[in-house]
Amino acid sequence: MQTNNKILDDVARVMTGAAGAVQGVRDEIDGAIQHQLHRLLKDMDLVTREEFEVVKEMAAKAREENEALRVELEALKADS
């Protein structure tokens, strides 16, 4: 942006530089926050989605087996 006023050109240049510096600071802050959140979540010892799904499938299978055994037990009691 060129104007006939050198002062306005200088102010525009300073504002552009300041905007770039502010963006750099913002990026640094975002990176630091993400790092802290990752560290916090890691320290919480949470399970992954994959681990959760495996245990969920195991629980469903155990419920099915439990129900089958209950039906078999009731049938054996009825025969006695």
N, C-alpha and C. Protein backbone atom coordinates (compact mmCIF):
# COMPACT_ATOMS: atom_id res chain seq x y z
N MET A 1 0.85 -1.16 0.00
CA MET A 1 0.00 0.00 0.00
C MET A 1 0.90 1.23 0.00
N GLN A 2 0.93 1.93 -1.07
CA GLN A 2 1.74 3.13 -1.18
C GLN A 2 0.83 4.35 -1.17
N THR A 3 1.19 5.29 -0.33
CA THR A 3 0.47 6.56 -0.31
C THR A 3 1.50 7.66 -0.48
N ASN A 4 1.02 8.88 -0.55
CA ASN A 4 1.93 10.02 -0.68
C ASN A 4 2.46 10.46 0.67
N ASN A 5 1.95 9.87 1.74
CA ASN A 5 2.36 10.29 3.07
C ASN A 5 3.29 9.23 3.66
N LYS A 6 4.57 9.62 3.89
CA LYS A 6 5.55 8.68 4.42
C LYS A 6 5.18 8.22 5.82
N ILE A 7 4.60 9.05 6.62
CA ILE A 7 4.21 8.68 7.99
C ILE A 7 3.16 7.58 7.94
N LEU A 8 2.17 7.72 7.06
CA LEU A 8 1.15 6.68 6.95
C LEU A 8 1.74 5.37 6.45
N ASP A 9 2.69 5.45 5.54
CA ASP A 9 3.36 4.25 5.06
C ASP A 9 4.11 3.56 6.20
N ASP A 10 4.79 4.34 7.03
CA ASP A 10 5.52 3.78 8.17
C ASP A 10 4.56 3.16 9.18
N VAL A 11 3.46 3.83 9.45
CA VAL A 11 2.47 3.30 10.40
C VAL A 11 1.90 1.99 9.87
N ALA A 12 1.59 1.93 8.58
CA ALA A 12 1.06 0.72 7.97
C ALA A 12 2.07 -0.42 8.07
N ARG A 13 3.35 -0.13 7.85
CA ARG A 13 4.40 -1.14 7.94
C ARG A 13 4.53 -1.65 9.38
N VAL A 14 4.46 -0.74 10.35
CA VAL A 14 4.55 -1.15 11.76
C VAL A 14 3.35 -2.00 12.14
N MET A 15 2.16 -1.62 11.68
CA MET A 15 0.96 -2.38 12.00
C MET A 15 1.03 -3.79 11.40
N THR A 16 1.54 -3.90 10.19
CA THR A 16 1.69 -5.21 9.56
C THR A 16 2.66 -6.07 10.34
N GLY A 17 3.77 -5.49 10.76
CA GLY A 17 4.74 -6.23 11.57
C GLY A 17 4.17 -6.64 12.91
N ALA A 18 3.41 -5.74 13.53
CA ALA A 18 2.80 -6.06 14.83
C ALA A 18 1.80 -7.19 14.69
N ALA A 19 1.03 -7.18 13.61
CA ALA A 19 0.06 -8.25 13.39
C ALA A 19 0.76 -9.59 13.25
N GLY A 20 1.87 -9.61 12.56
CA GLY A 20 2.65 -10.84 12.42
C GLY A 20 3.20 -11.31 13.75
N ALA A 21 3.67 -10.38 14.56
CA ALA A 21 4.21 -10.74 15.88
C ALA A 21 3.10 -11.29 16.78
N VAL A 22 1.94 -10.66 16.73
CA VAL A 22 0.80 -11.14 17.55
C VAL A 22 0.42 -12.55 17.12
N GLN A 23 0.40 -12.82 15.82
CA GLN A 23 0.07 -14.15 15.34
C GLN A 23 1.11 -15.16 15.82
N GLY A 24 2.37 -14.78 15.82
CA GLY A 24 3.42 -15.67 16.32
C GLY A 24 3.24 -15.99 17.79
N VAL A 25 2.91 -14.99 18.59
CA VAL A 25 2.68 -15.20 20.02
C VAL A 25 1.47 -16.12 20.22
N ARG A 26 0.43 -15.87 19.43
CA ARG A 26 -0.78 -16.71 19.54
C ARG A 26 -0.45 -18.17 19.22
N ASP A 27 0.34 -18.39 18.19
CA ASP A 27 0.74 -19.76 17.83
C ASP A 27 1.55 -20.41 18.94
N GLU A 28 2.44 -19.65 19.56
CA GLU A 28 3.23 -20.17 20.69
C GLU A 28 2.33 -20.56 21.85
N ILE A 29 1.36 -19.71 22.17
CA ILE A 29 0.44 -19.99 23.28
C ILE A 29 -0.39 -21.22 22.97
N ASP A 30 -0.91 -21.31 21.73
CA ASP A 30 -1.68 -22.49 21.35
C ASP A 30 -0.85 -23.76 21.49
N GLY A 31 0.39 -23.72 21.06
CA GLY A 31 1.27 -24.88 21.18
C GLY A 31 1.52 -25.27 22.62
N ALA A 32 1.74 -24.28 23.47
CA ALA A 32 1.98 -24.57 24.89
C ALA A 32 0.74 -25.16 25.55
N ILE A 33 -0.41 -24.65 25.21
CA ILE A 33 -1.66 -25.16 25.79
C ILE A 33 -1.88 -26.60 25.34
N GLN A 34 -1.68 -26.87 24.05
CA GLN A 34 -1.85 -28.24 23.56
C GLN A 34 -0.88 -29.19 24.25
N HIS A 35 0.34 -28.77 24.42
CA HIS A 35 1.33 -29.61 25.10
C HIS A 35 0.89 -29.92 26.52
N GLN A 36 0.42 -28.91 27.24
CA GLN A 36 -0.03 -29.12 28.62
C GLN A 36 -1.24 -30.05 28.67
N LEU A 37 -2.18 -29.88 27.74
CA LEU A 37 -3.36 -30.75 27.72
C LEU A 37 -2.97 -32.20 27.43
N HIS A 38 -2.08 -32.40 26.47
CA HIS A 38 -1.62 -33.76 26.19
C HIS A 38 -0.96 -34.38 27.41
N ARG A 39 -0.13 -33.60 28.08
CA ARG A 39 0.54 -34.10 29.30
C ARG A 39 -0.47 -34.44 30.39
N LEU A 40 -1.45 -33.57 30.57
CA LEU A 40 -2.48 -33.80 31.58
C LEU A 40 -3.28 -35.06 31.28
N LEU A 41 -3.69 -35.23 30.03
CA LEU A 41 -4.45 -36.42 29.66
C LEU A 41 -3.61 -37.69 29.80
N LYS A 42 -2.33 -37.60 29.47
CA LYS A 42 -1.45 -38.76 29.62
C LYS A 42 -1.32 -39.14 31.10
N ASP A 43 -1.20 -38.16 31.95
CA ASP A 43 -1.07 -38.41 33.39
C ASP A 43 -2.34 -38.99 33.99
N MET A 44 -3.49 -38.77 33.34
CA MET A 44 -4.76 -39.28 33.85
C MET A 44 -4.91 -40.77 33.59
N ASP A 45 -4.04 -41.37 32.79
CA ASP A 45 -4.04 -42.80 32.52
C ASP A 45 -5.40 -43.25 31.96
N LEU A 46 -5.89 -42.55 30.95
CA LEU A 46 -7.15 -42.89 30.31
C LEU A 46 -6.94 -44.01 29.30
N VAL A 47 -8.00 -44.76 29.03
CA VAL A 47 -7.91 -45.82 28.03
C VAL A 47 -8.15 -45.23 26.65
N THR A 48 -7.62 -45.91 25.66
CA THR A 48 -7.83 -45.48 24.29
C THR A 48 -9.18 -45.98 23.81
N ARG A 49 -9.65 -45.44 22.71
CA ARG A 49 -10.92 -45.87 22.12
C ARG A 49 -10.86 -47.35 21.76
N GLU A 50 -9.71 -47.79 21.23
CA GLU A 50 -9.55 -49.19 20.84
C GLU A 50 -9.65 -50.11 22.05
N GLU A 51 -8.98 -49.74 23.15
CA GLU A 51 -9.05 -50.55 24.38
C GLU A 51 -10.49 -50.61 24.90
N PHE A 52 -11.18 -49.49 24.86
CA PHE A 52 -12.56 -49.44 25.31
C PHE A 52 -13.44 -50.37 24.48
N GLU A 53 -13.28 -50.33 23.16
CA GLU A 53 -14.10 -51.16 22.28
C GLU A 53 -13.84 -52.65 22.53
N VAL A 54 -12.58 -53.03 22.78
CA VAL A 54 -12.26 -54.43 23.05
C VAL A 54 -12.95 -54.89 24.33
N VAL A 55 -12.87 -54.09 25.38
CA VAL A 55 -13.50 -54.46 26.65
C VAL A 55 -15.01 -54.49 26.51
N LYS A 56 -15.55 -53.57 25.73
CA LYS A 56 -17.00 -53.55 25.49
C LYS A 56 -17.46 -54.83 24.81
N GLU A 57 -16.69 -55.29 23.82
CA GLU A 57 -17.02 -56.55 23.14
C GLU A 57 -16.90 -57.73 24.10
N MET A 58 -15.87 -57.71 24.96
CA MET A 58 -15.71 -58.79 25.93
C MET A 58 -16.90 -58.83 26.89
N ALA A 59 -17.36 -57.67 27.33
CA ALA A 59 -18.51 -57.62 28.24
C ALA A 59 -19.78 -58.14 27.56
N ALA A 60 -19.98 -57.77 26.30
CA ALA A 60 -21.16 -58.25 25.58
C ALA A 60 -21.12 -59.77 25.44
N LYS A 61 -19.95 -60.32 25.12
CA LYS A 61 -19.80 -61.77 24.99
C LYS A 61 -20.05 -62.45 26.34
N ALA A 62 -19.54 -61.87 27.41
CA ALA A 62 -19.75 -62.44 28.74
C ALA A 62 -21.23 -62.42 29.11
N ARG A 63 -21.94 -61.35 28.75
CA ARG A 63 -23.39 -61.30 29.03
C ARG A 63 -24.13 -62.39 28.26
N GLU A 64 -23.75 -62.58 26.99
CA GLU A 64 -24.38 -63.63 26.18
C GLU A 64 -24.13 -65.01 26.78
N GLU A 65 -22.89 -65.27 27.18
CA GLU A 65 -22.56 -66.56 27.80
C GLU A 65 -23.31 -66.74 29.11
N ASN A 66 -23.41 -65.66 29.88
CA ASN A 66 -24.12 -65.72 31.15
C ASN A 66 -25.60 -66.06 30.92
N GLU A 67 -26.19 -65.44 29.93
CA GLU A 67 -27.60 -65.70 29.62
C GLU A 67 -27.79 -67.15 29.16
N ALA A 68 -26.86 -67.65 28.34
CA ALA A 68 -26.95 -69.04 27.88
C ALA A 68 -26.83 -70.00 29.06
N LEU A 69 -25.93 -69.73 29.97
CA LEU A 69 -25.78 -70.57 31.15
C LEU A 69 -27.02 -70.51 32.05
N ARG A 70 -27.63 -69.34 32.15
CA ARG A 70 -28.84 -69.20 32.96
C ARG A 70 -29.96 -70.05 32.38
N VAL A 71 -30.11 -70.02 31.05
CA VAL A 71 -31.15 -70.80 30.40
C VAL A 71 -30.87 -72.29 30.60
N GLU A 72 -29.61 -72.71 30.45
CA GLU A 72 -29.25 -74.11 30.65
C GLU A 72 -29.49 -74.54 32.09
N LEU A 73 -29.17 -73.71 33.05
CA LEU A 73 -29.40 -74.03 34.46
C LEU A 73 -30.88 -74.17 34.76
N GLU A 74 -31.69 -73.28 34.22
CA GLU A 74 -33.13 -73.36 34.44
C GLU A 74 -33.70 -74.66 33.83
N ALA A 75 -33.15 -75.04 32.67
CA ALA A 75 -33.60 -76.28 32.05
C ALA A 75 -33.21 -77.48 32.90
N LEU A 76 -32.02 -77.48 33.46
CA LEU A 76 -31.59 -78.58 34.33
C LEU A 76 -32.44 -78.63 35.59
N LYS A 77 -32.78 -77.49 36.15
CA LYS A 77 -33.63 -77.46 37.35
C LYS A 77 -35.02 -78.00 37.04
N ALA A 78 -35.52 -77.67 35.87
CA ALA A 78 -36.86 -78.13 35.47
C ALA A 78 -36.88 -79.63 35.29
N ASP A 79 -35.78 -80.23 34.83
CA ASP A 79 -35.71 -81.68 34.61
C ASP A 79 -35.57 -82.44 35.93
N SER A 80 -35.12 -81.79 36.98
CA SER A 80 -34.88 -82.48 38.25
C SER A 80 -36.14 -82.81 38.98
